[in-house]
Protein backbone atom coordinates (compact mmCIF):
# COMPACT_ATOMS: atom_id res chain seq x y z
CA MET A 1 29.84 1.93 -22.32
CA SER A 2 26.40 1.92 -24.13
CA SER A 3 23.97 4.75 -22.45
CA SER A 4 21.72 2.35 -22.15
CA LYS A 5 24.01 0.13 -19.28
CA MET A 6 24.59 3.13 -17.94
CA ASP A 7 20.76 4.22 -17.57
CA MET A 8 19.92 0.72 -15.86
CA GLU A 9 23.15 1.23 -13.53
CA VAL A 10 21.65 4.68 -12.55
CA HIS A 11 18.42 3.94 -11.89
CA PRO A 12 16.67 1.16 -10.77
CA SER A 13 14.37 -0.89 -12.93
CA ILE A 14 10.50 -0.41 -12.70
CA SER A 15 9.47 -3.33 -11.70
CA THR A 16 11.64 -2.21 -8.34
CA LEU A 17 9.35 0.13 -7.02
CA THR A 18 6.11 -0.80 -5.26
CA MET A 19 4.88 2.37 -3.76
CA VAL A 20 4.22 5.92 -5.14
CA LYS A 21 4.17 8.78 -2.69
CA THR A 22 2.41 12.11 -4.52
CA ILE A 23 3.02 15.77 -2.98
CA GLY A 24 0.53 17.59 -3.27
CA ALA A 25 -3.36 16.56 -4.15
CA GLY A 26 -3.69 19.11 -7.33
CA THR A 27 -5.17 18.30 -10.67
CA MET A 28 -1.44 16.48 -11.43
CA GLY A 29 -0.75 15.37 -8.19
CA GLN A 30 -4.33 13.28 -8.41
CA GLY A 31 -4.01 12.63 -11.91
CA ILE A 32 -0.68 10.97 -10.50
CA ALA A 33 -1.86 9.10 -7.92
CA GLN A 34 -4.35 7.43 -9.42
CA ALA A 35 -1.93 6.18 -12.75
CA GLY A 36 -0.38 4.43 -10.12
CA ALA A 37 -3.84 3.06 -8.32
CA LEU A 38 -4.31 1.81 -11.67
CA ALA A 39 -1.46 0.11 -12.58
CA GLY A 40 -1.01 -1.96 -8.93
CA TYR A 41 1.60 0.25 -7.28
CA ASP A 42 0.03 1.78 -3.48
CA VAL A 43 -0.51 4.91 -3.21
CA VAL A 44 0.62 7.88 -1.27
CA LEU A 45 -1.13 11.19 -1.64
CA TYR A 46 0.32 14.38 0.40
CA ASP A 47 -0.94 17.28 1.00
CA VAL A 48 -0.71 20.86 3.53
CA ALA A 49 -4.87 21.36 3.04
CA GLU A 50 -7.00 19.09 4.98
CA GLY A 51 -9.64 19.58 2.68
CA ILE A 52 -8.34 18.84 -0.49
CA PHE A 53 -8.91 15.13 0.19
CA GLU A 54 -12.48 14.95 0.56
CA GLU A 55 -11.98 15.81 -3.28
CA THR A 56 -9.67 12.97 -3.86
CA VAL A 57 -11.04 10.13 -1.96
CA TYR A 58 -13.44 8.55 -5.68
């Protein structure tokens, strides 16, 4: 079995993804959430620090 065929069996097609969930709303988490939103995905952003969300909502 070729590696590309094996990859398709192990990893679902990216077209089946509908939502991006990011744990951690720091610099990297915000970037991942923003990239997902700009790509048209529904985005959920989690963080343990409640005050961080005032900084992340644009």
